[in-house]
Amino acid sequence: MVTSVFLAIYYYRFKQERKVKEQKIIAGTASAKFDALKNQLDPHFLFNSLNVLTSLIEENPDAATKFTTSLSKVYRYILEQKNKDLVSVEEELEFARLYMTLIKMRFEDSIVFMLPDKLINPEAKVVPLSLQLLLENAVKHNIVTPSKKHTFQSQKKTETLL
């Protein structure tokens, strides 16, 4: 009887350890996929930005200077946050504002971007560069023209979560 109890406990522990190992493997795979996505995002963003900068240099040198400054700040943020798992919502929203200035310059008056003035929980954590991915996909997968503007605006539900 005692041996059966010990075997049951041993079997239970063995199963629990196996589940933990499986969960670690799943988490590692998800992390690797996310890192690959972040690395894939960088070149795509850079090439689009360089094309915009090339056209701005000829058309509007002052705007090109502002664009270059904003682009360097965006890349500084990307490099600083690349190895972090989480950042504060406040940091990510500030980055989103900076990123959207580049997008606005690219699409001129076709983009309207509004964020809440005050966050309920500015220290809440999010995955770094997650907002950039969402904003970029919103622009990429929608038709954006001066006559058909695209508006990015926070809603009450979003504000309460942030």
N, C-alpha and C. Protein backbone atom coordinates (compact mmCIF):
# COMPACT_ATOMS: atom_id res chain seq x y z
N MET A 1 0.82 -1.19 0.00
CA MET A 1 0.00 0.00 0.00
C MET A 1 0.87 1.26 0.00
N VAL A 2 1.89 1.26 0.88
CA VAL A 2 2.80 2.40 0.97
C VAL A 2 3.54 2.58 -0.35
N THR A 3 3.97 1.50 -0.95
CA THR A 3 4.67 1.56 -2.22
C THR A 3 3.76 2.15 -3.30
N SER A 4 2.50 1.79 -3.28
CA SER A 4 1.55 2.32 -4.26
C SER A 4 1.39 3.83 -4.10
N VAL A 5 1.33 4.30 -2.87
CA VAL A 5 1.22 5.75 -2.61
C VAL A 5 2.45 6.47 -3.14
N PHE A 6 3.64 5.93 -2.83
CA PHE A 6 4.87 6.55 -3.31
C PHE A 6 4.95 6.55 -4.84
N LEU A 7 4.53 5.46 -5.45
CA LEU A 7 4.52 5.40 -6.91
C LEU A 7 3.53 6.41 -7.50
N ALA A 8 2.39 6.56 -6.87
CA ALA A 8 1.40 7.53 -7.34
C ALA A 8 1.96 8.95 -7.24
N ILE A 9 2.60 9.27 -6.12
CA ILE A 9 3.21 10.60 -5.94
C ILE A 9 4.31 10.83 -6.97
N TYR A 10 5.16 9.81 -7.16
CA TYR A 10 6.23 9.92 -8.15
C TYR A 10 5.66 10.15 -9.55
N TYR A 11 4.64 9.39 -9.90
CA TYR A 11 4.01 9.50 -11.22
C TYR A 11 3.39 10.89 -11.39
N TYR A 12 2.72 11.39 -10.34
CA TYR A 12 2.10 12.72 -10.39
C TYR A 12 3.17 13.80 -10.60
N ARG A 13 4.26 13.74 -9.85
CA ARG A 13 5.36 14.72 -10.00
C ARG A 13 5.97 14.64 -11.39
N PHE A 14 6.18 13.44 -11.87
CA PHE A 14 6.74 13.25 -13.20
C PHE A 14 5.86 13.90 -14.26
N LYS A 15 4.55 13.70 -14.14
CA LYS A 15 3.61 14.30 -15.09
C LYS A 15 3.63 15.82 -15.01
N GLN A 16 3.69 16.38 -13.80
CA GLN A 16 3.71 17.83 -13.61
C GLN A 16 4.99 18.43 -14.21
N GLU A 17 6.12 17.80 -13.97
CA GLU A 17 7.39 18.28 -14.53
C GLU A 17 7.35 18.24 -16.06
N ARG A 18 6.74 17.21 -16.59
CA ARG A 18 6.62 17.08 -18.04
C ARG A 18 5.76 18.22 -18.61
N LYS A 19 4.66 18.55 -17.93
CA LYS A 19 3.80 19.65 -18.36
C LYS A 19 4.56 20.98 -18.33
N VAL A 20 5.34 21.19 -17.28
CA VAL A 20 6.12 22.43 -17.16
C VAL A 20 7.13 22.52 -18.30
N LYS A 21 7.80 21.42 -18.62
CA LYS A 21 8.76 21.42 -19.73
C LYS A 21 8.06 21.74 -21.05
N GLU A 22 6.89 21.17 -21.27
CA GLU A 22 6.13 21.44 -22.49
C GLU A 22 5.74 22.91 -22.58
N GLN A 23 5.31 23.48 -21.48
CA GLN A 23 4.93 24.89 -21.45
C GLN A 23 6.14 25.79 -21.73
N LYS A 24 7.29 25.43 -21.20
CA LYS A 24 8.51 26.20 -21.46
C LYS A 24 8.87 26.15 -22.94
N ILE A 25 8.71 25.01 -23.55
CA ILE A 25 8.99 24.87 -24.98
C ILE A 25 8.03 25.72 -25.80
N ILE A 26 6.75 25.69 -25.43
CA ILE A 26 5.75 26.50 -26.13
C ILE A 26 6.06 27.98 -25.97
N ALA A 27 6.40 28.40 -24.76
CA ALA A 27 6.73 29.81 -24.52
C ALA A 27 7.98 30.21 -25.29
N GLY A 28 8.97 29.34 -25.33
CA GLY A 28 10.19 29.63 -26.09
C GLY A 28 9.92 29.77 -27.57
N THR A 29 9.06 28.93 -28.09
CA THR A 29 8.69 29.00 -29.50
C THR A 29 7.97 30.31 -29.81
N ALA A 30 7.04 30.69 -28.94
CA ALA A 30 6.31 31.95 -29.13
C ALA A 30 7.26 33.13 -29.08
N SER A 31 8.20 33.10 -28.15
CA SER A 31 9.17 34.18 -28.04
C SER A 31 10.05 34.26 -29.29
N ALA A 32 10.47 33.13 -29.79
CA ALA A 32 11.29 33.11 -31.01
C ALA A 32 10.52 33.65 -32.20
N LYS A 33 9.23 33.29 -32.29
CA LYS A 33 8.40 33.81 -33.38
C LYS A 33 8.25 35.32 -33.28
N PHE A 34 8.06 35.82 -32.06
CA PHE A 34 7.92 37.25 -31.86
C PHE A 34 9.22 37.98 -32.22
N ASP A 35 10.36 37.44 -31.80
CA ASP A 35 11.64 38.05 -32.15
C ASP A 35 11.85 38.06 -33.66
N ALA A 36 11.48 36.99 -34.33
CA ALA A 36 11.60 36.94 -35.79
C ALA A 36 10.71 38.00 -36.43
N LEU A 37 9.51 38.20 -35.89
CA LEU A 37 8.61 39.21 -36.41
C LEU A 37 9.19 40.61 -36.23
N LYS A 38 9.77 40.88 -35.04
CA LYS A 38 10.37 42.19 -34.82
C LYS A 38 11.52 42.44 -35.78
N ASN A 39 12.35 41.41 -35.99
CA ASN A 39 13.48 41.57 -36.90
C ASN A 39 13.02 41.74 -38.34
N GLN A 40 11.92 41.12 -38.70
CA GLN A 40 11.38 41.24 -40.05
C GLN A 40 10.77 42.62 -40.26
N LEU A 41 10.22 43.20 -39.22
CA LEU A 41 9.57 44.50 -39.29
C LEU A 41 10.58 45.61 -39.57
N ASP A 42 11.75 45.52 -38.99
CA ASP A 42 12.73 46.58 -39.11
C ASP A 42 13.14 46.91 -40.55
N PRO A 43 13.57 45.95 -41.37
CA PRO A 43 13.97 46.28 -42.74
C PRO A 43 12.82 46.85 -43.57
N HIS A 44 11.64 46.29 -43.42
CA HIS A 44 10.47 46.77 -44.15
C HIS A 44 10.22 48.25 -43.83
N PHE A 45 10.22 48.58 -42.58
CA PHE A 45 10.00 49.95 -42.13
C PHE A 45 11.11 50.87 -42.64
N LEU A 46 12.34 50.40 -42.58
CA LEU A 46 13.47 51.21 -43.02
C LEU A 46 13.39 51.52 -44.51
N PHE A 47 13.08 50.56 -45.34
CA PHE A 47 13.00 50.78 -46.78
C PHE A 47 11.90 51.77 -47.14
N ASN A 48 10.74 51.63 -46.51
CA ASN A 48 9.66 52.59 -46.75
C ASN A 48 10.08 54.00 -46.34
N SER A 49 10.72 54.09 -45.20
CA SER A 49 11.15 55.40 -44.69
C SER A 49 12.20 56.05 -45.59
N LEU A 50 13.13 55.25 -46.08
CA LEU A 50 14.15 55.80 -46.97
C LEU A 50 13.54 56.29 -48.29
N ASN A 51 12.53 55.60 -48.79
CA ASN A 51 11.85 56.07 -50.00
C ASN A 51 11.15 57.40 -49.76
N VAL A 52 10.51 57.54 -48.61
CA VAL A 52 9.85 58.80 -48.26
C VAL A 52 10.90 59.91 -48.13
N LEU A 53 11.98 59.60 -47.46
CA LEU A 53 13.04 60.59 -47.27
C LEU A 53 13.62 61.07 -48.60
N THR A 54 13.82 60.15 -49.53
CA THR A 54 14.34 60.51 -50.85
C THR A 54 13.43 61.51 -51.55
N SER A 55 12.15 61.27 -51.50
CA SER A 55 11.22 62.21 -52.16
C SER A 55 11.13 63.53 -51.41
N LEU A 56 11.22 63.50 -50.08
CA LEU A 56 11.16 64.74 -49.30
C LEU A 56 12.38 65.63 -49.53
N ILE A 57 13.53 65.03 -49.73
CA ILE A 57 14.75 65.81 -49.94
C ILE A 57 14.59 66.73 -51.14
N GLU A 58 13.99 66.23 -52.20
CA GLU A 58 13.79 67.03 -53.40
C GLU A 58 12.65 68.05 -53.24
N GLU A 59 11.55 67.60 -52.62
CA GLU A 59 10.36 68.44 -52.53
C GLU A 59 10.41 69.47 -51.41
N ASN A 60 10.87 69.05 -50.22
CA ASN A 60 10.81 69.90 -49.05
C ASN A 60 11.98 69.56 -48.11
N PRO A 61 13.12 70.24 -48.28
CA PRO A 61 14.29 69.92 -47.45
C PRO A 61 14.07 70.08 -45.95
N ASP A 62 13.24 71.06 -45.53
CA ASP A 62 12.97 71.22 -44.10
C ASP A 62 12.21 70.02 -43.55
N ALA A 63 11.22 69.56 -44.30
CA ALA A 63 10.47 68.37 -43.88
C ALA A 63 11.38 67.15 -43.87
N ALA A 64 12.32 67.08 -44.80
CA ALA A 64 13.27 65.97 -44.84
C ALA A 64 14.13 65.95 -43.59
N THR A 65 14.53 67.13 -43.12
CA THR A 65 15.32 67.23 -41.90
C THR A 65 14.51 66.73 -40.70
N LYS A 66 13.25 67.19 -40.60
CA LYS A 66 12.38 66.74 -39.50
C LYS A 66 12.15 65.23 -39.58
N PHE A 67 11.95 64.74 -40.79
CA PHE A 67 11.71 63.31 -40.99
C PHE A 67 12.93 62.51 -40.55
N THR A 68 14.12 62.97 -40.90
CA THR A 68 15.35 62.28 -40.53
C THR A 68 15.52 62.23 -39.02
N THR A 69 15.22 63.34 -38.35
CA THR A 69 15.31 63.39 -36.89
C THR A 69 14.32 62.41 -36.25
N SER A 70 13.10 62.42 -36.74
CA SER A 70 12.08 61.50 -36.20
C SER A 70 12.46 60.05 -36.49
N LEU A 71 12.96 59.79 -37.68
CA LEU A 71 13.37 58.43 -38.04
C LEU A 71 14.49 57.93 -37.12
N SER A 72 15.44 58.80 -36.81
CA SER A 72 16.52 58.38 -35.92
C SER A 72 16.00 58.10 -34.51
N LYS A 73 15.02 58.88 -34.04
CA LYS A 73 14.42 58.64 -32.72
C LYS A 73 13.65 57.32 -32.71
N VAL A 74 12.95 57.04 -33.80
CA VAL A 74 12.20 55.79 -33.89
C VAL A 74 13.17 54.61 -33.85
N TYR A 75 14.24 54.69 -34.61
CA TYR A 75 15.19 53.58 -34.62
C TYR A 75 15.93 53.45 -33.29
N ARG A 76 16.16 54.55 -32.63
CA ARG A 76 16.78 54.48 -31.30
C ARG A 76 15.86 53.70 -30.36
N TYR A 77 14.56 54.01 -30.42
CA TYR A 77 13.60 53.30 -29.57
C TYR A 77 13.57 51.81 -29.92
N ILE A 78 13.55 51.51 -31.20
CA ILE A 78 13.52 50.10 -31.63
C ILE A 78 14.74 49.36 -31.09
N LEU A 79 15.92 49.98 -31.20
CA LEU A 79 17.13 49.33 -30.71
C LEU A 79 17.14 49.19 -29.19
N GLU A 80 16.63 50.21 -28.48
CA GLU A 80 16.60 50.16 -27.02
C GLU A 80 15.62 49.10 -26.50
N GLN A 81 14.51 48.92 -27.19
CA GLN A 81 13.46 48.03 -26.70
C GLN A 81 13.54 46.62 -27.26
N LYS A 82 14.40 46.40 -28.21
CA LYS A 82 14.43 45.13 -28.93
C LYS A 82 14.55 43.90 -28.02
N ASN A 83 15.33 44.00 -26.97
CA ASN A 83 15.56 42.84 -26.10
C ASN A 83 14.67 42.82 -24.87
N LYS A 84 13.78 43.78 -24.75
CA LYS A 84 12.89 43.82 -23.59
C LYS A 84 11.63 43.02 -23.89
N ASP A 85 11.09 42.40 -22.86
CA ASP A 85 9.85 41.65 -23.01
C ASP A 85 8.64 42.56 -22.89
N LEU A 86 8.71 43.57 -22.00
CA LEU A 86 7.60 44.48 -21.76
C LEU A 86 8.10 45.90 -21.56
N VAL A 87 7.27 46.86 -21.94
CA VAL A 87 7.54 48.28 -21.68
C VAL A 87 6.24 48.91 -21.18
N SER A 88 6.34 50.09 -20.59
CA SER A 88 5.13 50.74 -20.09
C SER A 88 4.27 51.24 -21.26
N VAL A 89 2.98 51.30 -21.01
CA VAL A 89 2.04 51.80 -22.02
C VAL A 89 2.41 53.23 -22.40
N GLU A 90 2.82 54.00 -21.41
CA GLU A 90 3.19 55.39 -21.65
C GLU A 90 4.35 55.50 -22.64
N GLU A 91 5.38 54.67 -22.45
CA GLU A 91 6.52 54.65 -23.38
C GLU A 91 6.08 54.24 -24.78
N GLU A 92 5.26 53.22 -24.84
CA GLU A 92 4.82 52.70 -26.14
C GLU A 92 3.94 53.72 -26.87
N LEU A 93 3.10 54.43 -26.13
CA LEU A 93 2.26 55.46 -26.76
C LEU A 93 3.10 56.63 -27.24
N GLU A 94 4.13 56.99 -26.49
CA GLU A 94 5.02 58.06 -26.94
C GLU A 94 5.72 57.65 -28.22
N PHE A 95 6.14 56.39 -28.28
CA PHE A 95 6.73 55.86 -29.50
C PHE A 95 5.72 55.87 -30.64
N ALA A 96 4.48 55.50 -30.35
CA ALA A 96 3.42 55.49 -31.38
C ALA A 96 3.21 56.90 -31.94
N ARG A 97 3.25 57.90 -31.07
CA ARG A 97 3.13 59.29 -31.55
C ARG A 97 4.27 59.64 -32.52
N LEU A 98 5.47 59.27 -32.14
CA LEU A 98 6.63 59.54 -32.98
C LEU A 98 6.54 58.77 -34.29
N TYR A 99 6.16 57.52 -34.21
CA TYR A 99 6.01 56.70 -35.41
C TYR A 99 4.95 57.28 -36.33
N MET A 100 3.86 57.74 -35.76
CA MET A 100 2.78 58.30 -36.57
C MET A 100 3.16 59.63 -37.21
N THR A 101 4.11 60.37 -36.64
CA THR A 101 4.58 61.58 -37.33
C THR A 101 5.25 61.19 -38.64
N LEU A 102 5.98 60.08 -38.64
CA LEU A 102 6.59 59.60 -39.89
C LEU A 102 5.52 59.17 -40.89
N ILE A 103 4.51 58.46 -40.41
CA ILE A 103 3.43 58.02 -41.29
C ILE A 103 2.67 59.22 -41.84
N LYS A 104 2.43 60.22 -40.99
CA LYS A 104 1.72 61.43 -41.45
C LYS A 104 2.52 62.14 -42.54
N MET A 105 3.83 62.20 -42.38
CA MET A 105 4.66 62.83 -43.40
C MET A 105 4.60 62.03 -44.70
N ARG A 106 4.51 60.73 -44.57
CA ARG A 106 4.46 59.87 -45.74
C ARG A 106 3.14 60.03 -46.49
N PHE A 107 2.03 60.12 -45.76
CA PHE A 107 0.71 60.19 -46.39
C PHE A 107 0.10 61.59 -46.34
N GLU A 108 0.86 62.57 -45.90
CA GLU A 108 0.46 63.97 -45.81
C GLU A 108 -0.83 64.13 -45.01
N ASP A 109 -1.88 64.67 -45.60
CA ASP A 109 -3.11 64.96 -44.85
C ASP A 109 -4.09 63.80 -44.81
N SER A 110 -3.66 62.62 -45.19
CA SER A 110 -4.57 61.47 -45.27
C SER A 110 -4.70 60.71 -43.96
N ILE A 111 -3.87 61.02 -42.98
CA ILE A 111 -3.87 60.32 -41.71
C ILE A 111 -4.19 61.29 -40.58
N VAL A 112 -5.11 60.88 -39.73
CA VAL A 112 -5.43 61.64 -38.52
C VAL A 112 -5.18 60.70 -37.34
N PHE A 113 -4.38 61.15 -36.39
CA PHE A 113 -3.97 60.31 -35.28
C PHE A 113 -4.26 61.03 -33.97
N MET A 114 -5.13 60.45 -33.14
CA MET A 114 -5.49 61.06 -31.87
C MET A 114 -5.35 60.03 -30.75
N LEU A 115 -4.72 60.45 -29.66
CA LEU A 115 -4.57 59.59 -28.49
C LEU A 115 -5.17 60.28 -27.28
N PRO A 116 -5.49 59.53 -26.25
CA PRO A 116 -6.04 60.17 -25.04
C PRO A 116 -4.99 61.06 -24.39
N ASP A 117 -5.46 62.13 -23.76
CA ASP A 117 -4.54 63.03 -23.06
C ASP A 117 -4.01 62.40 -21.78
N LYS A 118 -4.86 61.63 -21.13
CA LYS A 118 -4.48 61.05 -19.85
C LYS A 118 -4.78 59.55 -19.85
N LEU A 119 -3.85 58.78 -19.35
CA LEU A 119 -4.03 57.33 -19.25
C LEU A 119 -4.43 56.96 -17.83
N ILE A 120 -5.30 55.99 -17.70
CA ILE A 120 -5.72 55.55 -16.38
C ILE A 120 -4.57 54.84 -15.66
N ASN A 121 -3.84 54.01 -16.40
CA ASN A 121 -2.72 53.28 -15.81
C ASN A 121 -1.52 53.35 -16.75
N PRO A 122 -0.77 54.47 -16.71
CA PRO A 122 0.36 54.63 -17.64
C PRO A 122 1.50 53.64 -17.42
N GLU A 123 1.55 53.02 -16.26
CA GLU A 123 2.63 52.06 -15.98
C GLU A 123 2.26 50.63 -16.35
N ALA A 124 1.06 50.42 -16.90
CA ALA A 124 0.70 49.09 -17.38
C ALA A 124 1.71 48.66 -18.44
N LYS A 125 1.91 47.39 -18.59
CA LYS A 125 2.95 46.88 -19.49
C LYS A 125 2.36 46.28 -20.76
N VAL A 126 3.08 46.47 -21.87
CA VAL A 126 2.72 45.89 -23.15
C VAL A 126 4.00 45.39 -23.82
N VAL A 127 3.84 44.60 -24.85
CA VAL A 127 4.98 44.11 -25.62
C VAL A 127 5.54 45.28 -26.45
N PRO A 128 6.86 45.50 -26.42
CA PRO A 128 7.42 46.61 -27.20
C PRO A 128 7.17 46.44 -28.69
N LEU A 129 6.91 47.54 -29.35
CA LEU A 129 6.67 47.64 -30.79
C LEU A 129 5.34 47.03 -31.23
N SER A 130 4.51 46.64 -30.28
CA SER A 130 3.21 46.07 -30.65
C SER A 130 2.30 47.12 -31.28
N LEU A 131 2.36 48.34 -30.80
CA LEU A 131 1.54 49.40 -31.39
C LEU A 131 2.00 49.74 -32.80
N GLN A 132 3.30 49.72 -33.02
CA GLN A 132 3.80 49.99 -34.37
C GLN A 132 3.25 48.97 -35.35
N LEU A 133 3.25 47.72 -34.95
CA LEU A 133 2.74 46.67 -35.81
C LEU A 133 1.26 46.89 -36.13
N LEU A 134 0.49 47.24 -35.12
CA LEU A 134 -0.94 47.50 -35.33
C LEU A 134 -1.16 48.71 -36.22
N LEU A 135 -0.43 49.78 -35.96
CA LEU A 135 -0.60 51.00 -36.76
C LEU A 135 -0.17 50.78 -38.20
N GLU A 136 0.96 50.12 -38.38
CA GLU A 136 1.46 49.85 -39.73
C GLU A 136 0.48 48.99 -40.51
N ASN A 137 -0.07 47.97 -39.86
CA ASN A 137 -1.05 47.11 -40.55
C ASN A 137 -2.33 47.86 -40.86
N ALA A 138 -2.75 48.76 -39.98
CA ALA A 138 -3.96 49.55 -40.24
C ALA A 138 -3.77 50.42 -41.47
N VAL A 139 -2.60 50.99 -41.63
CA VAL A 139 -2.31 51.81 -42.81
C VAL A 139 -2.15 50.93 -44.04
N LYS A 140 -1.43 49.85 -43.89
CA LYS A 140 -1.13 48.97 -45.02
C LYS A 140 -2.38 48.33 -45.62
N HIS A 141 -3.33 47.95 -44.77
CA HIS A 141 -4.49 47.19 -45.24
C HIS A 141 -5.74 48.04 -45.43
N ASN A 142 -5.58 49.34 -45.50
CA ASN A 142 -6.70 50.25 -45.76
C ASN A 142 -6.31 51.21 -46.87
N ILE A 143 -7.30 51.71 -47.57
CA ILE A 143 -7.05 52.70 -48.62
C ILE A 143 -6.95 54.06 -47.95
N VAL A 144 -5.81 54.72 -48.14
CA VAL A 144 -5.58 56.01 -47.52
C VAL A 144 -5.26 57.02 -48.62
N THR A 145 -6.16 58.00 -48.78
CA THR A 145 -5.96 59.08 -49.74
C THR A 145 -6.44 60.37 -49.09
N PRO A 146 -6.08 61.54 -49.65
CA PRO A 146 -6.55 62.79 -49.06
C PRO A 146 -8.08 62.89 -49.00
N SER A 147 -8.76 62.27 -49.96
CA SER A 147 -10.22 62.32 -49.94
C SER A 147 -10.82 61.24 -49.03
N LYS A 148 -10.05 60.19 -48.76
CA LYS A 148 -10.51 59.10 -47.89
C LYS A 148 -9.52 58.95 -46.74
N LYS A 149 -9.64 59.84 -45.77
CA LYS A 149 -8.70 59.87 -44.65
C LYS A 149 -8.89 58.66 -43.75
N HIS A 150 -7.81 58.31 -43.10
CA HIS A 150 -7.85 57.22 -42.13
C HIS A 150 -7.60 57.83 -40.76
N THR A 151 -8.53 57.60 -39.82
CA THR A 151 -8.42 58.20 -38.49
C THR A 151 -8.08 57.13 -37.47
N PHE A 152 -7.04 57.41 -36.69
CA PHE A 152 -6.65 56.56 -35.57
C PHE A 152 -7.06 57.32 -34.32
N GLN A 153 -8.05 56.80 -33.63
CA GLN A 153 -8.55 57.50 -32.45
C GLN A 153 -8.83 56.49 -31.36
N SER A 154 -8.40 56.82 -30.13
CA SER A 154 -8.70 55.93 -29.02
C SER A 154 -10.17 56.05 -28.68
N GLN A 155 -10.70 54.97 -28.14
CA GLN A 155 -12.10 54.96 -27.71
C GLN A 155 -12.14 54.81 -26.20
N LYS A 156 -13.29 55.08 -25.61
CA LYS A 156 -13.44 54.98 -24.15
C LYS A 156 -13.02 53.61 -23.64
N LYS A 157 -13.43 52.53 -24.33
CA LYS A 157 -13.08 51.19 -23.89
C LYS A 157 -11.57 51.00 -23.85
N THR A 158 -10.87 51.50 -24.89
CA THR A 158 -9.42 51.39 -24.95
C THR A 158 -8.79 52.18 -23.83
N GLU A 159 -9.28 53.37 -23.55
CA GLU A 159 -8.71 54.22 -22.51
C GLU A 159 -8.79 53.54 -21.16
N THR A 160 -9.89 52.85 -20.87
CA THR A 160 -10.01 52.22 -19.57
C THR A 160 -9.03 51.05 -19.43
N LEU A 161 -8.75 50.38 -20.52
CA LEU A 161 -7.77 49.29 -20.46
C LEU A 161 -6.36 49.82 -20.27
N LEU A 162 -6.07 50.96 -20.85
CA LEU A 162 -4.73 51.51 -20.74
C LEU A 162 -4.59 52.21 -19.41
